[in-house]
């Protein structure tokens, strides 16, 4: 993943010269922090787009249920019958689109896993260099490499759990038998219950510590 400063600045990440001078483990940790930020931005964009698609699925299902309530003897029954095949095709298209978005989210979490593994490797390297558990000397302001690893693990755990929920929703939403159940799925997708506020706070702390955000 590219670490060009131009990718960071539009989202409010600082590119001051002092932080660009860091090398070795500190530079890698700083690059990882930028990658965490960019991955979360990509996740949030997919999440919003996915919510729009999920809403389309719910609306199509509602329309289909309403068509089933039309009396067979009514004059609209023939037009209703002709609408159902196209509705089914549109439903399938939207479901495939939602599944594709979940696959892209899966790829994002896989990259998060690599970032967490990288932080673990950096912590182990600094422990070997310093002879201290956790790589005692701060790389920037106050955090040790163990704290960077812990932050990565916390964020990874949250997004991994949320991904599991997204998979369930993407597979079950079109099969929801009631409007209430559909709304539960939509609400879960929108509010991301497996990603607590602490995950976002941890990212901001990580960006502050590594100099991407001004103190």
C-alpha atoms as a PDB file:
ATOM      1  CA  UNK A   1       0.000   0.000   0.000  1.00  0.00           C
ATOM      2  CA  UNK A   2       1.296   3.434  -0.934  1.00  0.00           C
ATOM      3  CA  UNK A   3       2.329   5.774   1.852  1.00  0.00           C
ATOM      4  CA  UNK A   4       2.439   8.992  -0.200  1.00  0.00           C
ATOM      5  CA  UNK A   5       1.576  11.969   1.989  1.00  0.00           C
ATOM      6  CA  UNK A   6      -0.927  13.168  -0.611  1.00  0.00           C
ATOM      7  CA  UNK A   7      -3.161  10.267   0.368  1.00  0.00           C
ATOM      8  CA  UNK A   8      -3.189  11.397   3.980  1.00  0.00           C
ATOM      9  CA  UNK A   9      -3.588  15.161   3.805  1.00  0.00           C
ATOM     10  CA  UNK A  10      -7.177  15.411   2.402  1.00  0.00           C
ATOM     11  CA  UNK A  11      -8.455  13.408   5.368  1.00  0.00           C
ATOM     12  CA  UNK A  12      -6.708  15.684   7.848  1.00  0.00           C
ATOM     13  CA  UNK A  13      -3.491  13.732   8.409  1.00  0.00           C
ATOM     14  CA  UNK A  14      -0.449  15.904   8.941  1.00  0.00           C
ATOM     15  CA  UNK A  15       2.667  15.454   6.822  1.00  0.00           C
ATOM     16  CA  UNK A  16       5.087  17.593   8.859  1.00  0.00           C
ATOM     17  CA  UNK A  17       8.778  17.334   8.068  1.00  0.00           C
ATOM     18  CA  UNK A  18       9.796  16.158  11.529  1.00  0.00           C
ATOM     19  CA  UNK A  19       7.734  12.978  11.263  1.00  0.00           C
ATOM     20  CA  UNK A  20       8.960  12.321   7.732  1.00  0.00           C
ATOM     21  CA  UNK A  21      12.496  12.119   9.148  1.00  0.00           C
ATOM     22  CA  UNK A  22      11.769   8.969  11.184  1.00  0.00           C
ATOM     23  CA  UNK A  23      13.449   5.753  10.076  1.00  0.00           C
ATOM     24  CA  UNK A  24      13.532   2.066  10.927  1.00  0.00           C
ATOM     25  CA  UNK A  25      10.783   0.673  13.157  1.00  0.00           C
ATOM     26  CA  UNK A  26       9.352   4.125  13.811  1.00  0.00           C
ATOM     27  CA  UNK A  27       8.874   4.753  10.086  1.00  0.00           C
ATOM     28  CA  UNK A  28       7.184   1.377   9.639  1.00  0.00           C
ATOM     29  CA  UNK A  29       4.861   2.003  12.594  1.00  0.00           C
ATOM     30  CA  UNK A  30       3.982   5.406  11.160  1.00  0.00           C
ATOM     31  CA  UNK A  31       3.260   3.914   7.748  1.00  0.00           C
ATOM     32  CA  UNK A  32       1.082   1.253   9.380  1.00  0.00           C
ATOM     33  CA  UNK A  33      -0.907   3.961  11.166  1.00  0.00           C
ATOM     34  CA  UNK A  34      -1.623   5.674   7.834  1.00  0.00           C
ATOM     35  CA  UNK A  35      -2.690   2.339   6.374  1.00  0.00           C
ATOM     36  CA  UNK A  36      -5.100   1.778   9.277  1.00  0.00           C
ATOM     37  CA  UNK A  37      -6.619   5.187   8.602  1.00  0.00           C
ATOM     38  CA  UNK A  38      -7.012   4.571   4.878  1.00  0.00           C
ATOM     39  CA  UNK A  39      -8.492   1.093   5.381  1.00  0.00           C
ATOM     40  CA  UNK A  40     -11.097   2.446   7.780  1.00  0.00           C
ATOM     41  CA  UNK A  41     -12.034   5.143   5.275  1.00  0.00           C
ATOM     42  CA  UNK A  42     -12.498   2.481   2.603  1.00  0.00           C
ATOM     43  CA  UNK A  43     -14.549   0.354   5.014  1.00  0.00           C
ATOM     44  CA  UNK A  44     -16.810   3.303   5.853  1.00  0.00           C
ATOM     45  CA  UNK A  45     -17.400   4.059   2.163  1.00  0.00           C
ATOM     46  CA  UNK A  46     -18.313   0.430   1.462  1.00  0.00           C
ATOM     47  CA  UNK A  47     -20.516   0.375   4.539  1.00  0.00           C
ATOM     48  CA  UNK A  48     -22.508   3.392   3.360  1.00  0.00           C
ATOM     49  CA  UNK A  49     -22.814   2.064  -0.185  1.00  0.00           C
ATOM     50  CA  UNK A  50     -23.803  -1.328   1.201  1.00  0.00           C
ATOM     51  CA  UNK A  51     -26.525   0.233   3.328  1.00  0.00           C
ATOM     52  CA  UNK A  52     -28.015   1.812   0.204  1.00  0.00           C
ATOM     53  CA  UNK A  53     -28.008  -1.575  -1.540  1.00  0.00           C
ATOM     54  CA  UNK A  54     -29.472  -3.317   1.515  1.00  0.00           C
ATOM     55  CA  UNK A  55     -32.242  -0.707   1.594  1.00  0.00           C
ATOM     56  CA  UNK A  56     -32.997  -1.481  -2.059  1.00  0.00           C
ATOM     57  CA  UNK A  57     -33.286  -5.170  -1.192  1.00  0.00           C
ATOM     58  CA  UNK A  58     -35.716  -4.441   1.635  1.00  0.00           C
ATOM     59  CA  UNK A  59     -37.831  -2.213  -0.616  1.00  0.00           C
ATOM     60  CA  UNK A  60     -37.973  -4.847  -3.365  1.00  0.00           C
ATOM     61  CA  UNK A  61     -39.021  -7.491  -0.839  1.00  0.00           C
ATOM     62  CA  UNK A  62     -41.703  -5.162   0.535  1.00  0.00           C
ATOM     63  CA  UNK A  63     -43.027  -4.584  -2.974  1.00  0.00           C
ATOM     64  CA  UNK A  64     -43.147  -8.323  -3.611  1.00  0.00           C
ATOM     65  CA  UNK A  65     -45.075  -8.928  -0.390  1.00  0.00           C
ATOM     66  CA  UNK A  66     -47.554  -6.205  -1.329  1.00  0.00           C
ATOM     67  CA  UNK A  67     -48.070  -7.780  -4.751  1.00  0.00           C
ATOM     68  CA  UNK A  68     -48.927 -11.079  -3.101  1.00  0.00           C
ATOM     69  CA  UNK A  69     -51.711  -9.326  -1.198  1.00  0.00           C
ATOM     70  CA  UNK A  70     -53.426  -8.182  -4.426  1.00  0.00           C
ATOM     71  CA  UNK A  71     -56.621 -10.282  -4.954  1.00  0.00           C
ATOM     72  CA  UNK A  72     -56.270 -12.684  -7.866  1.00  0.00           C
ATOM     73  CA  UNK A  73     -59.615 -11.590  -9.325  1.00  0.00           C
ATOM     74  CA  UNK A  74     -58.580  -7.952  -9.569  1.00  0.00           C
ATOM     75  CA  UNK A  75     -57.696  -6.434 -12.900  1.00  0.00           C
ATOM     76  CA  UNK A  76     -54.195  -5.714 -11.649  1.00  0.00           C
ATOM     77  CA  UNK A  77     -53.344  -9.384 -11.157  1.00  0.00           C
ATOM     78  CA  UNK A  78     -51.984  -9.802 -14.673  1.00  0.00           C
ATOM     79  CA  UNK A  79     -49.780  -6.733 -14.410  1.00  0.00           C
ATOM     80  CA  UNK A  80     -48.651  -7.927 -10.981  1.00  0.00           C
ATOM     81  CA  UNK A  81     -47.629 -11.249 -12.449  1.00  0.00           C
ATOM     82  CA  UNK A  82     -45.574  -9.560 -15.134  1.00  0.00           C
ATOM     83  CA  UNK A  83     -43.804  -7.382 -12.579  1.00  0.00           C
ATOM     84  CA  UNK A  84     -42.669 -10.280 -10.413  1.00  0.00           C
ATOM     85  CA  UNK A  85     -40.024 -11.738 -12.781  1.00  0.00           C
ATOM     86  CA  UNK A  86     -38.371  -8.353 -13.252  1.00  0.00           C
ATOM     87  CA  UNK A  87     -38.590  -7.779  -9.504  1.00  0.00           C
ATOM     88  CA  UNK A  88     -36.904 -11.114  -8.886  1.00  0.00           C
ATOM     89  CA  UNK A  89     -34.128 -10.252 -11.331  1.00  0.00           C
ATOM     90  CA  UNK A  90     -33.562  -6.885  -9.662  1.00  0.00           C
ATOM     91  CA  UNK A  91     -33.547  -8.543  -6.241  1.00  0.00           C
ATOM     92  CA  UNK A  92     -30.896 -11.003  -7.388  1.00  0.00           C
ATOM     93  CA  UNK A  93     -28.808  -8.189  -8.861  1.00  0.00           C
ATOM     94  CA  UNK A  94     -28.917  -6.225  -5.615  1.00  0.00           C
ATOM     95  CA  UNK A  95     -28.071  -9.314  -3.556  1.00  0.00           C
ATOM     96  CA  UNK A  96     -25.044 -10.009  -5.743  1.00  0.00           C
ATOM     97  CA  UNK A  97     -23.970  -6.388  -5.377  1.00  0.00           C
ATOM     98  CA  UNK A  98     -24.197  -6.635  -1.581  1.00  0.00           C
ATOM     99  CA  UNK A  99     -22.223  -9.888  -1.569  1.00  0.00           C
ATOM    100  CA  UNK A 100     -19.550  -8.224  -3.693  1.00  0.00           C
ATOM    101  CA  UNK A 101     -19.262  -5.397  -1.175  1.00  0.00           C
ATOM    102  CA  UNK A 102     -18.859  -7.895   1.648  1.00  0.00           C
ATOM    103  CA  UNK A 103     -16.068  -9.564  -0.319  1.00  0.00           C
ATOM    104  CA  UNK A 104     -14.332  -6.200  -0.586  1.00  0.00           C
ATOM    105  CA  UNK A 105     -14.759  -5.769   3.165  1.00  0.00           C
ATOM    106  CA  UNK A 106     -13.208  -9.214   3.600  1.00  0.00           C
ATOM    107  CA  UNK A 107     -10.174  -8.015   1.640  1.00  0.00           C
ATOM    108  CA  UNK A 108      -9.929  -4.959   3.901  1.00  0.00           C
ATOM    109  CA  UNK A 109      -9.952  -7.105   7.043  1.00  0.00           C
ATOM    110  CA  UNK A 110      -7.278  -9.345   5.502  1.00  0.00           C
ATOM    111  CA  UNK A 111      -5.083  -6.254   5.096  1.00  0.00           C
ATOM    112  CA  UNK A 112      -5.826  -5.300   8.698  1.00  0.00           C
ATOM    113  CA  UNK A 113      -4.634  -8.755   9.749  1.00  0.00           C
ATOM    114  CA  UNK A 114      -1.354  -8.141   7.946  1.00  0.00           C
ATOM    115  CA  UNK A 115      -0.966  -4.793   9.695  1.00  0.00           C
ATOM    116  CA  UNK A 116      -1.513  -6.432  13.085  1.00  0.00           C
ATOM    117  CA  UNK A 117       1.030  -9.128  12.216  1.00  0.00           C
ATOM    118  CA  UNK A 118       3.479  -6.413  11.165  1.00  0.00           C
ATOM    119  CA  UNK A 119       3.057  -4.668  14.517  1.00  0.00           C
ATOM    120  CA  UNK A 120       3.738  -7.925  16.330  1.00  0.00           C
ATOM    121  CA  UNK A 121       6.910  -8.453  14.310  1.00  0.00           C
ATOM    122  CA  UNK A 122       8.057  -4.900  15.066  1.00  0.00           C
ATOM    123  CA  UNK A 123       7.437  -5.418  18.774  1.00  0.00           C
ATOM    124  CA  UNK A 124       9.472  -8.629  18.731  1.00  0.00           C
ATOM    125  CA  UNK A 125      12.278  -6.878  16.831  1.00  0.00           C
ATOM    126  CA  UNK A 126      12.403  -3.993  19.312  1.00  0.00           C
ATOM    127  CA  UNK A 127      12.422  -6.441  22.224  1.00  0.00           C
ATOM    128  CA  UNK A 128      15.470  -8.134  20.728  1.00  0.00           C
ATOM    129  CA  UNK A 129      17.190  -4.796  20.204  1.00  0.00           C
ATOM    130  CA  UNK A 130      16.417  -3.358  23.624  1.00  0.00           C
ATOM    131  CA  UNK A 131      16.407  -6.529  25.699  1.00  0.00           C
ATOM    132  CA  UNK A 132      13.177  -5.268  27.311  1.00  0.00           C
ATOM    133  CA  UNK A 133       9.730  -6.825  27.136  1.00  0.00           C
ATOM    134  CA  UNK A 134       7.456  -4.704  24.953  1.00  0.00           C
ATOM    135  CA  UNK A 135      10.346  -2.707  23.485  1.00  0.00           C
ATOM    136  CA  UNK A 136      10.362  -0.296  26.424  1.00  0.00           C
ATOM    137  CA  UNK A 137      11.696   2.855  24.714  1.00  0.00           C
ATOM    138  CA  UNK A 138       8.963   4.975  23.052  1.00  0.00           C
ATOM    139  CA  UNK A 139       9.295   5.312  19.275  1.00  0.00           C
ATOM    140  CA  UNK A 140       7.511   8.681  19.210  1.00  0.00           C
ATOM    141  CA  UNK A 141       5.993  10.371  22.267  1.00  0.00           C
ATOM    142  CA  UNK A 142       5.048   7.766  24.876  1.00  0.00           C
ATOM    143  CA  UNK A 143       3.866   4.486  23.335  1.00  0.00           C
ATOM    144  CA  UNK A 144       5.991   1.361  23.328  1.00  0.00           C
ATOM    145  CA  UNK A 145       5.842  -1.089  20.428  1.00  0.00           C
ATOM    146  CA  UNK A 146       3.663  -3.323  22.633  1.00  0.00           C
ATOM    147  CA  UNK A 147       1.077  -0.554  22.854  1.00  0.00           C
ATOM    148  CA  UNK A 148       1.064  -0.185  19.075  1.00  0.00           C
ATOM    149  CA  UNK A 149       0.525  -3.929  18.772  1.00  0.00           C
ATOM    150  CA  UNK A 150      -2.298  -3.865  21.325  1.00  0.00           C
ATOM    151  CA  UNK A 151      -3.996  -1.026  19.453  1.00  0.00           C
ATOM    152  CA  UNK A 152      -3.823  -2.975  16.196  1.00  0.00           C
ATOM    153  CA  UNK A 153      -5.211  -6.106  17.823  1.00  0.00           C
ATOM    154  CA  UNK A 154      -8.114  -4.163  19.333  1.00  0.00           C
ATOM    155  CA  UNK A 155      -9.097  -2.612  16.003  1.00  0.00           C
ATOM    156  CA  UNK A 156      -8.660  -5.884  14.126  1.00  0.00           C
ATOM    157  CA  UNK A 157     -10.874  -7.767  16.587  1.00  0.00           C
ATOM    158  CA  UNK A 158     -13.688  -5.238  16.166  1.00  0.00           C
ATOM    159  CA  UNK A 159     -13.657  -5.243  12.368  1.00  0.00           C
ATOM    160  CA  UNK A 160     -13.300  -9.032  12.211  1.00  0.00           C
ATOM    161  CA  UNK A 161     -16.451  -9.455  14.308  1.00  0.00           C
ATOM    162  CA  UNK A 162     -18.322  -6.870  12.274  1.00  0.00           C
ATOM    163  CA  UNK A 163     -17.345  -8.677   9.079  1.00  0.00           C
ATOM    164  CA  UNK A 164     -18.935 -11.872  10.422  1.00  0.00           C
ATOM    165  CA  UNK A 165     -22.162  -9.950  11.016  1.00  0.00           C
ATOM    166  CA  UNK A 166     -22.023  -8.422   7.532  1.00  0.00           C
ATOM    167  CA  UNK A 167     -21.723 -11.885   6.007  1.00  0.00           C
ATOM    168  CA  UNK A 168     -24.822 -13.068   7.853  1.00  0.00           C
ATOM    169  CA  UNK A 169     -26.809 -10.001   6.823  1.00  0.00           C
ATOM    170  CA  UNK A 170     -25.777 -10.263   3.171  1.00  0.00           C
ATOM    171  CA  UNK A 171     -26.854 -13.917   3.087  1.00  0.00           C
ATOM    172  CA  UNK A 172     -30.103 -13.601   5.040  1.00  0.00           C
ATOM    173  CA  UNK A 173     -31.536 -10.175   4.200  1.00  0.00           C
ATOM    174  CA  UNK A 174     -33.353 -11.268   1.039  1.00  0.00           C
ATOM    175  CA  UNK A 175     -34.844 -14.236   2.924  1.00  0.00           C
ATOM    176  CA  UNK A 176     -36.259 -12.202   5.818  1.00  0.00           C
ATOM    177  CA  UNK A 177     -39.884 -13.258   6.251  1.00  0.00           C
ATOM    178  CA  UNK A 178     -41.131 -10.090   7.953  1.00  0.00           C
ATOM    179  CA  UNK A 179     -40.583  -6.360   7.617  1.00  0.00           C
ATOM    180  CA  UNK A 180     -39.528  -6.212  11.266  1.00  0.00           C
ATOM    181  CA  UNK A 181     -36.703  -8.686  10.684  1.00  0.00           C
ATOM    182  CA  UNK A 182     -35.614  -6.768   7.595  1.00  0.00           C
ATOM    183  CA  UNK A 183     -35.418  -3.574   9.645  1.00  0.00           C
ATOM    184  CA  UNK A 184     -33.317  -5.337  12.290  1.00  0.00           C
ATOM    185  CA  UNK A 185     -30.837  -6.371   9.606  1.00  0.00           C
ATOM    186  CA  UNK A 186     -30.779  -2.838   8.175  1.00  0.00           C
ATOM    187  CA  UNK A 187     -30.257  -1.311  11.607  1.00  0.00           C
ATOM    188  CA  UNK A 188     -27.378  -3.680  12.345  1.00  0.00           C
ATOM    189  CA  UNK A 189     -25.713  -2.820   9.045  1.00  0.00           C
ATOM    190  CA  UNK A 190     -26.089   0.915   9.651  1.00  0.00           C
ATOM    191  CA  UNK A 191     -24.961   1.051  13.287  1.00  0.00           C
ATOM    192  CA  UNK A 192     -22.118  -1.530  13.124  1.00  0.00           C
ATOM    193  CA  UNK A 193     -22.663  -2.887  16.667  1.00  0.00           C
ATOM    194  CA  UNK A 194     -19.426  -4.908  16.665  1.00  0.00           C
ATOM    195  CA  UNK A 195     -17.296  -1.797  16.115  1.00  0.00           C
ATOM    196  CA  UNK A 196     -17.403   0.144  19.402  1.00  0.00           C
ATOM    197  CA  UNK A 197     -16.495   3.801  19.694  1.00  0.00           C
ATOM    198  CA  UNK A 198     -13.269   2.704  21.375  1.00  0.00           C
ATOM    199  CA  UNK A 199     -12.001   1.429  18.014  1.00  0.00           C
ATOM    200  CA  UNK A 200     -12.277   4.889  16.438  1.00  0.00           C
ATOM    201  CA  UNK A 201     -10.787   6.511  19.531  1.00  0.00           C
ATOM    202  CA  UNK A 202      -7.878   4.071  19.331  1.00  0.00           C
ATOM    203  CA  UNK A 203      -7.262   5.044  15.700  1.00  0.00           C
ATOM    204  CA  UNK A 204      -7.214   8.738  16.620  1.00  0.00           C
ATOM    205  CA  UNK A 205      -4.792   8.039  19.480  1.00  0.00           C
ATOM    206  CA  UNK A 206      -2.601   6.083  17.060  1.00  0.00           C
ATOM    207  CA  UNK A 207      -2.578   8.973  14.582  1.00  0.00           C
ATOM    208  CA  UNK A 208      -1.747  11.449  17.344  1.00  0.00           C
ATOM    209  CA  UNK A 209       1.077   9.310  18.699  1.00  0.00           C
ATOM    210  CA  UNK A 210       2.678   8.829  15.280  1.00  0.00           C
ATOM    211  CA  UNK A 211       2.429  12.501  14.294  1.00  0.00           C
ATOM    212  CA  UNK A 212      -0.295  12.196  11.663  1.00  0.00           C
ATOM    213  CA  UNK A 213      -2.499  14.393  13.843  1.00  0.00           C
ATOM    214  CA  UNK A 214      -1.123  17.504  15.576  1.00  0.00           C
ATOM    215  CA  UNK A 215      -0.927  17.276  19.354  1.00  0.00           C
END
